[in-house]
């Protein structure tokens, strides 16, 4: 009896973990996001009346257009998520085109709600992610055209163009709204600011270094 209770408890725990870890399967064909609705949002945006759905709700044009990489990091993301395609609402998937200037980077960041699978379309990229505490192991690799790499959900990851020409990659993400937390922006660009004494002690540097970094964000 004890073994049966243990097995039942384990199965219940696994089921609860799966329910929490993944977006639930839709209970309708689709749920086009109704951005004008004031209805309560539970997991995604409220649904537009399905009778009002149009092809445009499931369509995006322009992913062939290069993004403007004229910025301090030399990288730019063109997202294709529920904001751009309302029909993605509740479907648990999205895309992003990423353009890189020579030696440009997509700085260390996380997606709190999605695993990302990246495919290199042009150029070569150095990519990697860092495992959680206490190991903080860097898992990284140089990718070339046609190569694919996975960034597990929630882990800090980055990309860098390691070629002398432009590079392009395409990412698929396991959420219609994956979210993004760029580490430097979150730490040094928080509004209101994280107290400089907290950051100085955390990073073991002088407050003047923190002030200099905060000024950049």
N, C-alpha and C. Protein backbone atom coordinates (compact mmCIF):
# COMPACT_ATOMS: atom_id res chain seq x y z
N UNK A 1 0.83 -1.21 0.00
CA UNK A 1 0.00 0.00 0.00
C UNK A 1 0.87 1.26 0.00
N UNK A 2 1.96 1.21 0.79
CA UNK A 2 2.84 2.38 0.86
C UNK A 2 3.46 2.66 -0.50
N UNK A 3 3.86 1.57 -1.21
CA UNK A 3 4.45 1.74 -2.53
C UNK A 3 3.44 2.32 -3.51
N UNK A 4 2.18 1.88 -3.40
CA UNK A 4 1.15 2.40 -4.29
C UNK A 4 0.89 3.88 -4.04
N UNK A 5 0.88 4.26 -2.76
CA UNK A 5 0.68 5.67 -2.43
C UNK A 5 1.85 6.51 -2.93
N UNK A 6 3.07 5.98 -2.81
CA UNK A 6 4.25 6.69 -3.29
C UNK A 6 4.19 6.88 -4.80
N UNK A 7 3.76 5.81 -5.52
CA UNK A 7 3.65 5.88 -6.97
C UNK A 7 2.60 6.90 -7.37
N UNK A 8 1.45 6.89 -6.67
CA UNK A 8 0.37 7.83 -6.97
C UNK A 8 0.84 9.27 -6.74
N UNK A 9 1.53 9.47 -5.62
CA UNK A 9 2.03 10.82 -5.31
C UNK A 9 3.02 11.30 -6.37
N UNK A 10 3.89 10.38 -6.80
CA UNK A 10 4.87 10.72 -7.83
C UNK A 10 4.20 11.09 -9.14
N UNK A 11 3.19 10.30 -9.53
CA UNK A 11 2.48 10.57 -10.78
C UNK A 11 1.75 11.91 -10.71
N UNK A 12 1.14 12.21 -9.58
CA UNK A 12 0.46 13.49 -9.41
C UNK A 12 1.44 14.65 -9.50
N UNK A 13 2.61 14.47 -8.88
CA UNK A 13 3.63 15.53 -8.91
C UNK A 13 4.12 15.77 -10.33
N UNK A 14 4.32 14.66 -11.07
CA UNK A 14 4.78 14.79 -12.46
C UNK A 14 3.73 15.48 -13.31
N UNK A 15 2.46 15.12 -13.09
CA UNK A 15 1.37 15.72 -13.86
C UNK A 15 1.29 17.21 -13.57
N UNK A 16 1.38 17.58 -12.29
CA UNK A 16 1.33 19.00 -11.92
C UNK A 16 2.50 19.76 -12.53
N UNK A 17 3.67 19.15 -12.53
CA UNK A 17 4.86 19.80 -13.10
C UNK A 17 4.68 20.06 -14.58
N UNK A 18 4.11 19.07 -15.29
CA UNK A 18 3.88 19.23 -16.72
C UNK A 18 2.87 20.32 -16.99
N UNK A 19 1.83 20.38 -16.18
CA UNK A 19 0.80 21.40 -16.36
C UNK A 19 1.39 22.78 -16.16
N UNK A 20 2.24 22.93 -15.15
CA UNK A 20 2.83 24.22 -14.86
C UNK A 20 3.88 24.60 -15.89
N UNK A 21 4.63 23.61 -16.41
CA UNK A 21 5.78 23.90 -17.26
C UNK A 21 5.40 24.26 -18.67
N UNK A 22 4.27 23.85 -19.16
CA UNK A 22 3.91 24.06 -20.56
C UNK A 22 2.57 24.77 -20.69
N UNK A 23 2.44 25.55 -21.77
CA UNK A 23 1.18 26.21 -22.03
C UNK A 23 0.12 25.16 -22.36
N UNK A 24 -1.08 25.31 -21.85
CA UNK A 24 -2.12 24.30 -22.09
C UNK A 24 -2.52 24.24 -23.56
N UNK A 25 -2.93 23.07 -24.00
CA UNK A 25 -3.39 22.94 -25.38
C UNK A 25 -4.69 23.72 -25.57
N UNK A 26 -4.83 24.40 -26.71
CA UNK A 26 -6.06 25.17 -26.96
C UNK A 26 -7.27 24.25 -26.99
N UNK A 27 -8.41 24.77 -26.53
CA UNK A 27 -9.66 24.02 -26.54
C UNK A 27 -10.55 24.45 -27.70
N UNK A 28 -9.97 25.21 -28.64
CA UNK A 28 -10.69 25.65 -29.83
C UNK A 28 -9.70 25.67 -30.99
N UNK A 29 -10.20 25.84 -32.21
CA UNK A 29 -9.31 25.83 -33.37
C UNK A 29 -8.23 26.90 -33.25
N UNK A 30 -8.61 28.08 -32.83
CA UNK A 30 -7.67 29.19 -32.68
C UNK A 30 -8.30 30.24 -31.77
N UNK A 31 -7.48 31.17 -31.36
CA UNK A 31 -7.94 32.26 -30.48
C UNK A 31 -7.21 33.52 -30.92
N UNK A 32 -7.71 34.15 -31.96
CA UNK A 32 -7.08 35.38 -32.45
C UNK A 32 -7.10 36.42 -31.33
N UNK A 33 -5.96 37.02 -31.05
CA UNK A 33 -5.86 37.99 -29.96
C UNK A 33 -6.72 39.21 -30.23
N UNK A 34 -7.54 39.54 -29.26
CA UNK A 34 -8.35 40.76 -29.33
C UNK A 34 -7.70 41.80 -28.43
N UNK A 35 -6.85 42.64 -29.03
CA UNK A 35 -6.07 43.60 -28.25
C UNK A 35 -6.92 44.76 -27.73
N UNK A 36 -8.15 44.86 -28.21
CA UNK A 36 -9.02 45.96 -27.76
C UNK A 36 -9.90 45.56 -26.59
N UNK A 37 -9.91 44.28 -26.25
CA UNK A 37 -10.78 43.79 -25.19
C UNK A 37 -10.23 44.14 -23.81
N UNK A 38 -11.14 44.41 -22.89
CA UNK A 38 -10.76 44.68 -21.50
C UNK A 38 -10.98 43.47 -20.61
N UNK A 39 -11.26 42.33 -21.23
CA UNK A 39 -11.51 41.11 -20.46
C UNK A 39 -10.25 40.70 -19.71
N UNK A 40 -10.43 39.96 -18.62
CA UNK A 40 -9.31 39.50 -17.81
C UNK A 40 -8.41 38.56 -18.62
N UNK A 41 -7.11 38.77 -18.52
CA UNK A 41 -6.15 37.92 -19.21
C UNK A 41 -5.64 36.86 -18.26
N UNK A 42 -5.79 35.59 -18.65
CA UNK A 42 -5.33 34.49 -17.81
C UNK A 42 -4.03 33.93 -18.37
N UNK A 43 -4.07 33.42 -19.57
CA UNK A 43 -2.87 32.89 -20.22
C UNK A 43 -2.92 33.29 -21.68
N UNK A 44 -2.52 34.52 -21.95
CA UNK A 44 -2.63 35.04 -23.30
C UNK A 44 -3.64 36.17 -23.34
N UNK A 45 -3.93 36.62 -24.54
CA UNK A 45 -4.88 37.71 -24.74
C UNK A 45 -6.29 37.17 -24.95
N UNK A 46 -7.31 37.99 -24.66
CA UNK A 46 -8.69 37.54 -24.90
C UNK A 46 -8.90 37.19 -26.37
N UNK A 47 -9.86 36.33 -26.63
CA UNK A 47 -10.12 35.86 -28.00
C UNK A 47 -11.09 36.78 -28.74
N UNK A 48 -10.76 37.04 -29.98
CA UNK A 48 -11.69 37.70 -30.88
C UNK A 48 -12.76 36.67 -31.28
N UNK A 49 -13.96 37.13 -31.51
CA UNK A 49 -15.01 36.24 -32.01
C UNK A 49 -14.49 35.52 -33.26
N UNK A 50 -14.50 34.19 -33.24
CA UNK A 50 -13.92 33.42 -34.35
C UNK A 50 -14.59 33.73 -35.69
N UNK A 51 -15.82 34.20 -35.66
CA UNK A 51 -16.51 34.54 -36.91
C UNK A 51 -15.89 35.77 -37.58
N UNK A 52 -15.11 36.53 -36.80
CA UNK A 52 -14.49 37.75 -37.34
C UNK A 52 -13.06 37.52 -37.81
N UNK A 53 -12.59 36.28 -37.70
CA UNK A 53 -11.21 35.99 -38.08
C UNK A 53 -11.00 36.17 -39.58
N UNK A 54 -9.86 36.77 -39.93
CA UNK A 54 -9.47 36.99 -41.32
C UNK A 54 -8.07 36.42 -41.55
N UNK A 55 -7.73 36.22 -42.82
CA UNK A 55 -6.40 35.72 -43.16
C UNK A 55 -5.30 36.62 -42.59
N UNK A 56 -5.54 37.93 -42.55
CA UNK A 56 -4.54 38.87 -42.06
C UNK A 56 -4.19 38.62 -40.59
N UNK A 57 -5.09 37.99 -39.85
CA UNK A 57 -4.81 37.69 -38.45
C UNK A 57 -3.75 36.60 -38.30
N UNK A 58 -3.46 35.88 -39.38
CA UNK A 58 -2.51 34.77 -39.33
C UNK A 58 -1.31 35.02 -40.25
N UNK A 59 -1.07 36.27 -40.59
CA UNK A 59 -0.11 36.60 -41.65
C UNK A 59 0.85 37.69 -41.19
N UNK A 60 2.10 37.57 -41.65
CA UNK A 60 3.12 38.60 -41.43
C UNK A 60 3.97 38.69 -42.69
N UNK A 61 4.30 39.88 -43.10
CA UNK A 61 5.14 40.08 -44.28
C UNK A 61 6.35 40.93 -43.91
N UNK A 62 7.50 40.56 -44.43
CA UNK A 62 8.68 41.39 -44.22
C UNK A 62 9.86 40.71 -43.58
N UNK A 63 9.76 39.40 -43.33
CA UNK A 63 10.87 38.73 -42.66
C UNK A 63 12.11 38.62 -43.56
N UNK A 64 11.94 38.89 -44.84
CA UNK A 64 13.08 38.88 -45.76
C UNK A 64 13.87 40.18 -45.71
N UNK A 65 13.35 41.19 -45.03
CA UNK A 65 13.99 42.50 -44.99
C UNK A 65 15.04 42.52 -43.87
N UNK A 66 16.29 42.86 -44.19
CA UNK A 66 17.34 42.90 -43.15
C UNK A 66 17.02 43.93 -42.08
N UNK A 67 17.30 43.59 -40.83
CA UNK A 67 17.15 44.53 -39.74
C UNK A 67 18.31 45.51 -39.71
N UNK A 68 18.09 46.65 -39.10
CA UNK A 68 19.11 47.70 -39.01
C UNK A 68 20.04 47.41 -37.83
N UNK A 69 21.28 47.05 -38.13
CA UNK A 69 22.25 46.70 -37.08
C UNK A 69 23.11 47.88 -36.66
N UNK A 70 22.72 49.09 -37.05
CA UNK A 70 23.49 50.29 -36.67
C UNK A 70 23.13 50.69 -35.24
N UNK A 71 23.60 49.93 -34.30
CA UNK A 71 23.38 50.19 -32.88
C UNK A 71 24.63 49.76 -32.12
N UNK A 72 24.74 50.10 -30.84
CA UNK A 72 25.99 49.81 -30.10
C UNK A 72 26.42 48.36 -30.07
N UNK A 73 25.48 47.42 -30.14
CA UNK A 73 25.85 46.00 -30.06
C UNK A 73 25.98 45.34 -31.43
N UNK A 74 25.48 46.00 -32.48
CA UNK A 74 25.61 45.44 -33.83
C UNK A 74 24.72 44.25 -34.11
N UNK A 75 23.62 44.15 -33.40
CA UNK A 75 22.66 43.08 -33.64
C UNK A 75 21.25 43.59 -33.46
N UNK A 76 20.30 43.00 -34.19
CA UNK A 76 18.90 43.43 -34.10
C UNK A 76 17.98 42.24 -34.31
N UNK A 77 16.90 42.21 -33.55
CA UNK A 77 15.92 41.12 -33.62
C UNK A 77 14.64 41.65 -34.26
N UNK A 78 14.12 40.89 -35.24
CA UNK A 78 12.82 41.18 -35.83
C UNK A 78 11.86 40.10 -35.33
N UNK A 79 11.02 40.41 -34.33
CA UNK A 79 10.16 39.38 -33.75
C UNK A 79 8.92 39.12 -34.60
N UNK A 80 8.46 37.90 -34.54
CA UNK A 80 7.17 37.53 -35.15
C UNK A 80 6.42 36.72 -34.10
N UNK A 81 5.79 37.44 -33.18
CA UNK A 81 5.06 36.79 -32.10
C UNK A 81 3.60 37.25 -32.13
N UNK A 82 2.91 37.09 -31.03
CA UNK A 82 1.47 37.40 -31.01
C UNK A 82 1.19 38.87 -31.28
N UNK A 83 2.16 39.73 -31.04
CA UNK A 83 1.98 41.15 -31.34
C UNK A 83 1.88 41.37 -32.85
N UNK A 84 2.71 40.66 -33.60
CA UNK A 84 2.71 40.80 -35.06
C UNK A 84 1.66 39.92 -35.73
N UNK A 85 1.41 38.75 -35.18
CA UNK A 85 0.42 37.82 -35.74
C UNK A 85 -0.58 37.46 -34.64
N UNK A 86 -1.71 38.14 -34.56
CA UNK A 86 -2.68 37.88 -33.49
C UNK A 86 -3.16 36.43 -33.44
N UNK A 87 -3.14 35.75 -34.59
CA UNK A 87 -3.58 34.36 -34.63
C UNK A 87 -2.68 33.40 -33.88
N UNK A 88 -1.48 33.84 -33.47
CA UNK A 88 -0.59 32.99 -32.68
C UNK A 88 -1.06 32.84 -31.23
N UNK A 89 -1.99 33.69 -30.82
CA UNK A 89 -2.45 33.67 -29.43
C UNK A 89 -2.85 32.26 -28.99
N UNK A 90 -2.31 31.81 -27.88
CA UNK A 90 -2.51 30.50 -27.24
C UNK A 90 -1.86 29.33 -27.96
N UNK A 91 -1.22 29.55 -29.12
CA UNK A 91 -0.68 28.43 -29.90
C UNK A 91 0.71 28.00 -29.45
N UNK A 92 1.39 28.83 -28.63
CA UNK A 92 2.66 28.40 -28.05
C UNK A 92 3.82 28.33 -29.01
N UNK A 93 3.88 29.25 -29.98
CA UNK A 93 4.99 29.25 -30.92
C UNK A 93 5.18 30.65 -31.48
N UNK A 94 6.42 30.99 -31.81
CA UNK A 94 6.72 32.27 -32.44
C UNK A 94 8.07 32.16 -33.15
N UNK A 95 8.39 33.22 -33.90
CA UNK A 95 9.63 33.26 -34.68
C UNK A 95 10.37 34.56 -34.40
N UNK A 96 11.64 34.58 -34.79
CA UNK A 96 12.40 35.83 -34.76
C UNK A 96 13.52 35.73 -35.79
N UNK A 97 13.65 36.77 -36.62
CA UNK A 97 14.81 36.91 -37.48
C UNK A 97 15.84 37.75 -36.73
N UNK A 98 17.11 37.34 -36.80
CA UNK A 98 18.16 38.08 -36.12
C UNK A 98 19.25 38.42 -37.12
N UNK A 99 19.57 39.71 -37.20
CA UNK A 99 20.63 40.19 -38.08
C UNK A 99 21.82 40.65 -37.25
N UNK A 100 23.02 40.38 -37.78
CA UNK A 100 24.25 40.71 -37.07
C UNK A 100 25.20 41.44 -38.02
N UNK A 101 25.70 42.58 -37.58
CA UNK A 101 26.81 43.22 -38.28
C UNK A 101 28.07 42.40 -38.01
N UNK A 102 29.14 42.60 -38.77
CA UNK A 102 30.39 41.90 -38.46
C UNK A 102 30.79 42.09 -37.00
N UNK A 103 30.96 40.98 -36.29
CA UNK A 103 31.31 40.93 -34.88
C UNK A 103 30.23 41.52 -33.97
N UNK A 104 29.05 41.67 -34.50
CA UNK A 104 27.93 42.13 -33.69
C UNK A 104 27.44 41.04 -32.74
N UNK A 105 26.75 41.45 -31.69
CA UNK A 105 26.29 40.48 -30.69
C UNK A 105 24.81 40.69 -30.37
N UNK A 106 24.19 39.64 -29.92
CA UNK A 106 22.94 39.70 -29.17
C UNK A 106 23.35 39.42 -27.73
N UNK A 107 23.31 40.45 -26.88
CA UNK A 107 23.88 40.32 -25.53
C UNK A 107 23.22 39.23 -24.70
N UNK A 108 23.90 38.79 -23.65
CA UNK A 108 23.31 37.77 -22.76
C UNK A 108 21.91 38.16 -22.30
N UNK A 109 20.98 37.21 -22.45
CA UNK A 109 19.58 37.46 -22.13
C UNK A 109 18.89 36.14 -21.83
N UNK A 110 17.66 36.22 -21.38
CA UNK A 110 16.86 35.02 -21.15
C UNK A 110 15.49 35.19 -21.80
N UNK A 111 14.84 34.07 -22.06
CA UNK A 111 13.42 34.05 -22.44
C UNK A 111 12.70 33.30 -21.32
N UNK A 112 11.99 34.01 -20.46
CA UNK A 112 11.39 33.36 -19.29
C UNK A 112 10.30 32.35 -19.61
N UNK A 113 9.75 32.42 -20.84
CA UNK A 113 8.63 31.55 -21.15
C UNK A 113 8.86 30.65 -22.36
N UNK A 114 10.11 30.51 -22.82
CA UNK A 114 10.28 29.74 -24.06
C UNK A 114 11.67 29.14 -24.20
N UNK A 115 11.70 27.95 -24.76
CA UNK A 115 12.92 27.37 -25.31
C UNK A 115 13.09 27.93 -26.72
N UNK A 116 14.33 28.14 -27.12
CA UNK A 116 14.62 28.72 -28.44
C UNK A 116 15.47 27.74 -29.25
N UNK A 117 15.12 27.54 -30.50
CA UNK A 117 15.94 26.74 -31.41
C UNK A 117 16.35 27.65 -32.57
N UNK A 118 17.65 27.83 -32.72
CA UNK A 118 18.22 28.80 -33.66
C UNK A 118 18.86 28.09 -34.84
N UNK A 119 18.60 28.61 -36.04
CA UNK A 119 19.21 28.10 -37.27
C UNK A 119 19.99 29.23 -37.94
N UNK A 120 21.23 28.96 -38.30
CA UNK A 120 22.05 29.96 -38.99
C UNK A 120 21.70 29.92 -40.48
N UNK A 121 21.31 31.08 -41.01
CA UNK A 121 20.98 31.19 -42.43
C UNK A 121 22.16 31.71 -43.25
N UNK A 122 22.93 32.61 -42.68
CA UNK A 122 24.11 33.16 -43.35
C UNK A 122 25.17 33.47 -42.30
N UNK A 123 26.43 33.25 -42.67
CA UNK A 123 27.53 33.62 -41.80
C UNK A 123 27.88 32.56 -40.77
N UNK A 124 28.61 32.97 -39.76
CA UNK A 124 29.02 32.06 -38.68
C UNK A 124 28.82 32.77 -37.34
N UNK A 125 28.33 32.02 -36.37
CA UNK A 125 27.99 32.58 -35.07
C UNK A 125 28.64 31.77 -33.94
N UNK A 126 29.14 32.49 -32.94
CA UNK A 126 29.54 31.86 -31.69
C UNK A 126 28.35 32.02 -30.74
N UNK A 127 27.80 30.90 -30.28
CA UNK A 127 26.61 30.94 -29.42
C UNK A 127 26.87 30.13 -28.16
N UNK A 128 26.10 30.44 -27.12
CA UNK A 128 26.25 29.66 -25.91
C UNK A 128 25.20 30.00 -24.88
N UNK A 129 25.05 29.10 -23.91
CA UNK A 129 24.19 29.36 -22.76
C UNK A 129 24.91 28.91 -21.50
N UNK A 130 24.44 29.44 -20.36
CA UNK A 130 25.06 29.15 -19.07
C UNK A 130 24.05 28.40 -18.20
N UNK A 131 24.49 27.29 -17.63
CA UNK A 131 23.60 26.52 -16.76
C UNK A 131 23.38 27.26 -15.44
N UNK A 132 22.36 26.85 -14.71
CA UNK A 132 22.00 27.53 -13.47
C UNK A 132 22.99 27.22 -12.35
N UNK A 133 22.87 27.98 -11.25
CA UNK A 133 23.73 27.78 -10.08
C UNK A 133 23.58 26.34 -9.55
N UNK A 134 24.61 25.77 -8.98
CA UNK A 134 25.90 26.37 -8.67
C UNK A 134 26.95 26.18 -9.75
N UNK A 135 26.67 25.41 -10.80
CA UNK A 135 27.72 25.08 -11.77
C UNK A 135 28.05 26.25 -12.69
N UNK A 136 27.00 26.95 -13.18
CA UNK A 136 27.22 28.07 -14.12
C UNK A 136 28.16 27.67 -15.25
N UNK A 137 27.90 26.50 -15.82
CA UNK A 137 28.75 25.99 -16.89
C UNK A 137 28.37 26.64 -18.23
N UNK A 138 29.37 27.13 -18.95
CA UNK A 138 29.15 27.68 -20.29
C UNK A 138 29.17 26.55 -21.30
N UNK A 139 28.07 26.41 -22.03
CA UNK A 139 27.98 25.42 -23.11
C UNK A 139 27.90 26.21 -24.41
N UNK A 140 28.92 26.12 -25.23
CA UNK A 140 29.02 27.01 -26.40
C UNK A 140 29.58 26.29 -27.61
N UNK A 141 29.36 26.92 -28.78
CA UNK A 141 29.81 26.31 -30.02
C UNK A 141 29.81 27.35 -31.13
N UNK A 142 30.70 27.21 -32.08
CA UNK A 142 30.67 28.04 -33.29
C UNK A 142 29.79 27.35 -34.32
N UNK A 143 28.82 28.08 -34.84
CA UNK A 143 27.87 27.53 -35.82
C UNK A 143 28.11 28.13 -37.19
N UNK A 144 27.80 27.34 -38.20
CA UNK A 144 27.93 27.80 -39.58
C UNK A 144 26.59 27.64 -40.30
N UNK A 145 26.53 28.13 -41.51
CA UNK A 145 25.28 28.11 -42.28
C UNK A 145 24.65 26.73 -42.27
N UNK A 146 23.39 26.68 -41.87
CA UNK A 146 22.65 25.42 -41.80
C UNK A 146 22.71 24.73 -40.46
N UNK A 147 23.56 25.22 -39.55
CA UNK A 147 23.66 24.60 -38.23
C UNK A 147 22.50 25.06 -37.33
N UNK A 148 22.17 24.21 -36.36
CA UNK A 148 21.05 24.45 -35.46
C UNK A 148 21.54 24.30 -34.02
N UNK A 149 21.03 25.16 -33.12
CA UNK A 149 21.42 25.10 -31.71
C UNK A 149 20.20 25.42 -30.85
N UNK A 150 20.13 24.80 -29.67
CA UNK A 150 18.99 24.97 -28.78
C UNK A 150 19.43 25.70 -27.51
N UNK A 151 18.62 26.70 -27.12
CA UNK A 151 18.79 27.39 -25.84
C UNK A 151 17.62 26.98 -24.93
N UNK A 152 17.88 26.23 -23.87
CA UNK A 152 16.79 25.79 -22.99
C UNK A 152 16.08 26.97 -22.31
N UNK A 153 14.82 26.79 -22.05
CA UNK A 153 13.97 27.83 -21.48
C UNK A 153 14.58 28.41 -20.20
N UNK A 154 14.59 29.74 -20.11
CA UNK A 154 14.99 30.43 -18.91
C UNK A 154 16.48 30.62 -18.69
N UNK A 155 17.33 29.96 -19.49
CA UNK A 155 18.77 30.06 -19.26
C UNK A 155 19.37 31.25 -20.01
N UNK A 156 20.38 31.86 -19.39
CA UNK A 156 21.09 32.99 -20.01
C UNK A 156 21.83 32.48 -21.25
N UNK A 157 21.65 33.19 -22.37
CA UNK A 157 22.33 32.80 -23.60
C UNK A 157 22.68 34.03 -24.43
N UNK A 158 23.48 33.83 -25.47
CA UNK A 158 23.98 34.94 -26.28
C UNK A 158 24.37 34.43 -27.66
N UNK A 159 24.56 35.37 -28.59
CA UNK A 159 25.06 35.06 -29.92
C UNK A 159 26.05 36.15 -30.34
N UNK A 160 27.09 35.75 -31.07
CA UNK A 160 28.04 36.71 -31.62
C UNK A 160 28.43 36.30 -33.03
N UNK A 161 28.38 37.27 -33.95
CA UNK A 161 28.86 37.05 -35.30
C UNK A 161 30.38 37.02 -35.25
N UNK A 162 30.97 35.92 -35.68
CA UNK A 162 32.43 35.79 -35.64
C UNK A 162 33.03 35.83 -37.05
N UNK A 163 32.28 36.42 -37.98
CA UNK A 163 32.78 36.57 -39.34
C UNK A 163 32.95 38.03 -39.70
N UNK A 164 33.59 38.27 -40.82
CA UNK A 164 33.82 39.64 -41.28
C UNK A 164 32.67 40.18 -42.14
N UNK A 165 31.69 39.33 -42.43
CA UNK A 165 30.50 39.77 -43.17
C UNK A 165 29.28 39.73 -42.27
N UNK A 166 28.16 40.15 -42.81
CA UNK A 166 26.91 40.10 -42.06
C UNK A 166 26.47 38.66 -41.83
N UNK A 167 25.70 38.44 -40.78
CA UNK A 167 25.17 37.11 -40.49
C UNK A 167 23.67 37.23 -40.22
N UNK A 168 22.97 36.12 -40.47
CA UNK A 168 21.52 36.06 -40.26
C UNK A 168 21.19 34.73 -39.60
N UNK A 169 20.28 34.77 -38.64
CA UNK A 169 19.76 33.52 -38.07
C UNK A 169 18.25 33.64 -37.92
N UNK A 170 17.61 32.50 -37.81
CA UNK A 170 16.17 32.42 -37.60
C UNK A 170 15.91 31.56 -36.38
N UNK A 171 15.11 32.09 -35.45
CA UNK A 171 14.81 31.36 -34.23
C UNK A 171 13.33 31.03 -34.14
N UNK A 172 13.05 29.82 -33.67
CA UNK A 172 11.69 29.42 -33.30
C UNK A 172 11.65 29.33 -31.78
N UNK A 173 10.55 29.82 -31.19
CA UNK A 173 10.43 29.83 -29.73
C UNK A 173 9.11 29.18 -29.32
N UNK A 174 9.14 28.49 -28.19
CA UNK A 174 8.01 27.67 -27.77
C UNK A 174 6.96 28.45 -26.98
N UNK A 175 6.73 29.68 -27.37
CA UNK A 175 5.67 30.49 -26.78
C UNK A 175 5.28 31.56 -27.77
N UNK A 176 3.98 31.93 -27.79
CA UNK A 176 3.56 33.04 -28.63
C UNK A 176 4.02 34.37 -28.05
N UNK A 177 4.46 34.34 -26.77
CA UNK A 177 4.94 35.55 -26.10
C UNK A 177 6.10 35.15 -25.19
N UNK A 178 7.27 34.87 -25.78
CA UNK A 178 8.37 34.30 -25.01
C UNK A 178 8.97 35.22 -23.97
N UNK A 179 8.84 36.54 -24.18
CA UNK A 179 9.47 37.50 -23.27
C UNK A 179 10.98 37.50 -23.45
N UNK A 180 11.59 38.60 -23.04
CA UNK A 180 13.05 38.69 -23.09
C UNK A 180 13.54 39.57 -21.95
N UNK A 181 14.57 39.10 -21.28
CA UNK A 181 15.23 39.85 -20.22
C UNK A 181 16.70 39.96 -20.59
N UNK A 182 17.12 41.14 -21.09
CA UNK A 182 18.52 41.35 -21.39
C UNK A 182 19.23 41.68 -20.08
N UNK A 183 20.24 40.91 -19.73
CA UNK A 183 20.82 40.98 -18.40
C UNK A 183 21.35 42.38 -18.07
N UNK A 184 22.13 42.96 -18.97
CA UNK A 184 22.70 44.28 -18.68
C UNK A 184 21.61 45.32 -18.51
N UNK A 185 20.60 45.29 -19.37
CA UNK A 185 19.50 46.27 -19.27
C UNK A 185 18.74 46.10 -17.97
N UNK A 186 18.50 44.84 -17.59
CA UNK A 186 17.73 44.58 -16.37
C UNK A 186 18.50 45.01 -15.12
N UNK A 187 19.81 44.76 -15.11
CA UNK A 187 20.60 45.05 -13.91
C UNK A 187 20.97 46.53 -13.82
N UNK A 188 21.43 47.09 -14.94
CA UNK A 188 21.94 48.46 -14.90
C UNK A 188 20.94 49.50 -15.43
N UNK A 189 19.86 49.04 -16.02
CA UNK A 189 18.88 49.97 -16.57
C UNK A 189 17.52 49.88 -15.92
N UNK A 190 17.45 49.24 -14.75
CA UNK A 190 16.17 49.10 -14.05
C UNK A 190 15.59 50.47 -13.71
N UNK A 191 14.26 50.55 -13.72
CA UNK A 191 13.58 51.80 -13.42
C UNK A 191 12.50 51.56 -12.35
N UNK A 192 12.68 52.07 -11.12
CA UNK A 192 13.84 52.85 -10.66
C UNK A 192 15.09 51.99 -10.54
N UNK A 193 16.22 52.64 -10.41
CA UNK A 193 17.51 51.93 -10.40
C UNK A 193 17.66 51.03 -9.19
N UNK A 194 18.34 49.91 -9.39
CA UNK A 194 18.76 49.09 -8.25
C UNK A 194 19.82 49.91 -7.50
N UNK A 195 19.74 50.01 -6.19
CA UNK A 195 20.71 50.82 -5.44
C UNK A 195 22.15 50.45 -5.78
N UNK A 196 22.98 51.48 -5.97
CA UNK A 196 24.35 51.22 -6.40
C UNK A 196 25.17 50.45 -5.36
N UNK A 197 24.82 50.59 -4.06
CA UNK A 197 25.56 49.82 -3.07
C UNK A 197 25.25 48.33 -3.17
N UNK A 198 24.00 48.01 -3.57
CA UNK A 198 23.64 46.60 -3.79
C UNK A 198 24.45 46.03 -4.94
N UNK A 199 24.50 46.77 -6.05
CA UNK A 199 25.22 46.30 -7.23
C UNK A 199 26.73 46.27 -6.99
N UNK A 200 27.25 47.29 -6.30
CA UNK A 200 28.69 47.33 -6.03
C UNK A 200 29.12 46.11 -5.21
N UNK A 201 28.32 45.77 -4.21
CA UNK A 201 28.67 44.61 -3.38
C UNK A 201 28.48 43.31 -4.15
N UNK A 202 27.43 43.26 -4.97
CA UNK A 202 27.15 42.04 -5.74
C UNK A 202 28.26 41.75 -6.75
N UNK A 203 28.74 42.81 -7.42
CA UNK A 203 29.77 42.63 -8.45
C UNK A 203 31.18 42.84 -7.92
N UNK A 204 31.28 43.21 -6.61
CA UNK A 204 32.59 43.40 -5.99
C UNK A 204 33.42 44.45 -6.72
N UNK A 205 32.79 45.58 -7.01
CA UNK A 205 33.47 46.69 -7.65
C UNK A 205 33.10 47.98 -6.93
N UNK A 206 33.81 49.05 -7.25
CA UNK A 206 33.54 50.34 -6.65
C UNK A 206 32.22 50.91 -7.19
N UNK A 207 31.57 51.76 -6.38
CA UNK A 207 30.31 52.37 -6.80
C UNK A 207 30.47 53.20 -8.06
N UNK A 208 31.65 53.77 -8.28
CA UNK A 208 31.88 54.58 -9.47
C UNK A 208 31.78 53.75 -10.74
N UNK A 209 32.16 52.50 -10.64
CA UNK A 209 32.04 51.59 -11.80
C UNK A 209 30.56 51.33 -12.09
N UNK A 210 29.79 51.13 -11.04
CA UNK A 210 28.35 50.92 -11.20
C UNK A 210 27.69 52.15 -11.81
N UNK A 211 28.04 53.32 -11.33
CA UNK A 211 27.46 54.56 -11.86
C UNK A 211 27.78 54.71 -13.34
N UNK A 212 28.99 54.36 -13.73
CA UNK A 212 29.40 54.45 -15.13
C UNK A 212 28.58 53.50 -15.99
N UNK A 213 28.35 52.29 -15.49
CA UNK A 213 27.55 51.31 -16.24
C UNK A 213 26.10 51.73 -16.32
N UNK A 214 25.54 52.22 -15.22
CA UNK A 214 24.15 52.64 -15.22
C UNK A 214 23.92 53.79 -16.20
N UNK A 215 24.90 54.64 -16.38
CA UNK A 215 24.77 55.77 -17.29
C UNK A 215 24.62 55.32 -18.74
N UNK A 216 25.06 54.11 -19.05
CA UNK A 216 24.97 53.60 -20.42
C UNK A 216 23.60 53.01 -20.74
N UNK A 217 22.79 52.81 -19.70
CA UNK A 217 21.49 52.17 -19.89
C UNK A 217 20.34 53.05 -19.42
